[in-house]
Amino acid sequence: MVTAIIMLSVEKKYINQVAEKLASIEGLSEVYSVSGSYDITAIARVQTNDQLSELVTQHLAQIDNILKTETMLAFRAYSKHDLEGMFSVGV
């Protein structure tokens, strides 16, 4: 499984419309409006790097009003549960 975090800058008046379009794309499991340097964050979960490439370069490229994207690959997931286990003393 390939997981990626995709950060998107969007024309401000179209944030909701773009987020709704993103949420309908297969392979994007979560879409959030966020504060900070970007307007939207999407979590992609696909089987292969080729599927991720297609998702970003074909599907996202079809959506109007996206100004810029930055895609980060996730190497490993750490949940709160995993972190608690790392620091426990066997209890």
Protein backbone atom coordinates (compact mmCIF):
# COMPACT_ATOMS: atom_id res chain seq x y z
CA MET A 1 0.00 0.00 0.00
CA VAL A 2 1.30 3.45 -0.94
CA THR A 3 0.19 6.32 1.27
CA ALA A 4 0.80 9.95 0.35
CA ILE A 5 -0.13 13.29 1.82
CA ILE A 6 -1.06 15.81 -0.85
CA MET A 7 -1.06 19.49 0.07
CA LEU A 8 -2.98 21.80 -2.25
CA SER A 9 -3.11 25.56 -2.71
CA VAL A 10 -6.46 26.54 -4.17
CA GLU A 11 -8.08 29.79 -5.29
CA LYS A 12 -9.75 30.90 -2.05
CA LYS A 13 -13.32 31.19 -3.32
CA TYR A 14 -13.20 27.64 -4.71
CA ILE A 15 -11.87 25.73 -1.68
CA ASN A 16 -15.19 24.02 -0.90
CA GLN A 17 -15.86 23.07 -4.52
CA VAL A 18 -12.36 21.66 -5.00
CA ALA A 19 -12.55 19.73 -1.71
CA GLU A 20 -15.86 18.15 -2.77
CA LYS A 21 -14.39 17.10 -6.13
CA LEU A 22 -11.34 15.64 -4.40
CA ALA A 23 -13.50 13.68 -1.98
CA SER A 24 -15.17 11.93 -4.92
CA ILE A 25 -11.88 10.67 -6.42
CA GLU A 26 -11.11 7.00 -5.89
CA GLY A 27 -7.81 6.64 -4.07
CA LEU A 28 -8.24 9.72 -1.90
CA SER A 29 -9.36 8.38 1.46
CA GLU A 30 -9.58 11.70 3.33
CA VAL A 31 -9.79 15.37 2.37
CA TYR A 32 -9.39 18.21 4.88
CA SER A 33 -9.56 21.97 4.66
CA VAL A 34 -6.60 23.20 6.71
CA SER A 35 -4.96 26.34 8.02
CA GLY A 36 -1.45 27.39 7.13
CA SER A 37 0.43 27.61 3.85
CA TYR A 38 -1.96 25.26 2.07
CA ASP A 39 -5.74 25.22 1.80
CA ILE A 40 -6.51 21.51 1.48
CA THR A 41 -4.78 18.31 2.53
CA ALA A 42 -5.73 14.99 0.95
CA ILE A 43 -4.61 11.52 2.00
CA ALA A 44 -4.05 9.14 -0.90
CA ARG A 45 -4.03 5.38 -0.32
CA VAL A 46 -3.35 3.34 -3.45
CA GLN A 47 -1.75 0.02 -4.28
CA THR A 48 1.18 1.17 -6.44
CA ASN A 49 3.37 4.16 -7.21
CA ASP A 50 1.97 4.11 -10.75
CA GLN A 51 -1.55 4.56 -9.36
CA LEU A 52 -0.33 7.48 -7.25
CA SER A 53 1.31 9.03 -10.28
CA GLU A 54 -1.92 8.69 -12.26
CA LEU A 55 -3.96 10.13 -9.39
CA VAL A 56 -1.79 13.23 -9.09
CA THR A 57 -0.86 13.90 -12.70
CA GLN A 58 -4.17 13.00 -14.33
CA HIS A 59 -7.07 13.20 -11.89
CA LEU A 60 -5.93 16.18 -9.81
CA ALA A 61 -4.70 17.99 -12.91
CA GLN A 62 -8.27 17.89 -14.28
CA ILE A 63 -9.62 19.98 -11.40
CA ASP A 64 -9.80 23.71 -12.04
CA ASN A 65 -8.66 26.28 -9.48
CA ILE A 66 -5.82 24.22 -7.98
CA LEU A 67 -2.83 26.54 -8.01
CA LYS A 68 -0.10 24.29 -6.60
CA THR A 69 0.36 20.86 -5.06
CA GLU A 70 3.02 19.20 -2.96
CA THR A 71 2.98 15.42 -2.57
CA MET A 72 4.78 13.70 0.29
CA LEU A 73 5.16 9.91 0.47
CA ALA A 74 4.55 8.32 3.84
CA PHE A 75 7.18 5.76 4.81
CA ARG A 76 5.76 4.46 8.06
CA ALA A 77 2.64 5.02 10.15
CA TYR A 78 2.81 5.63 13.88
CA SER A 79 -0.41 5.56 15.80
CA LYS A 80 -0.87 6.70 19.39
CA HIS A 81 -1.23 3.03 20.29
CA ASP A 82 2.14 2.19 18.67
CA LEU A 83 3.91 5.03 20.49
CA GLU A 84 2.48 3.96 23.86
CA GLY A 85 3.83 0.46 23.27
CA MET A 86 7.31 1.79 22.50
CA PHE A 87 7.52 3.59 25.84
CA SER A 88 5.80 1.03 28.06
CA VAL A 89 7.79 -1.02 30.52
CA GLY A 90 5.96 -4.23 29.74
CA VAL A 91 2.84 -3.43 31.70
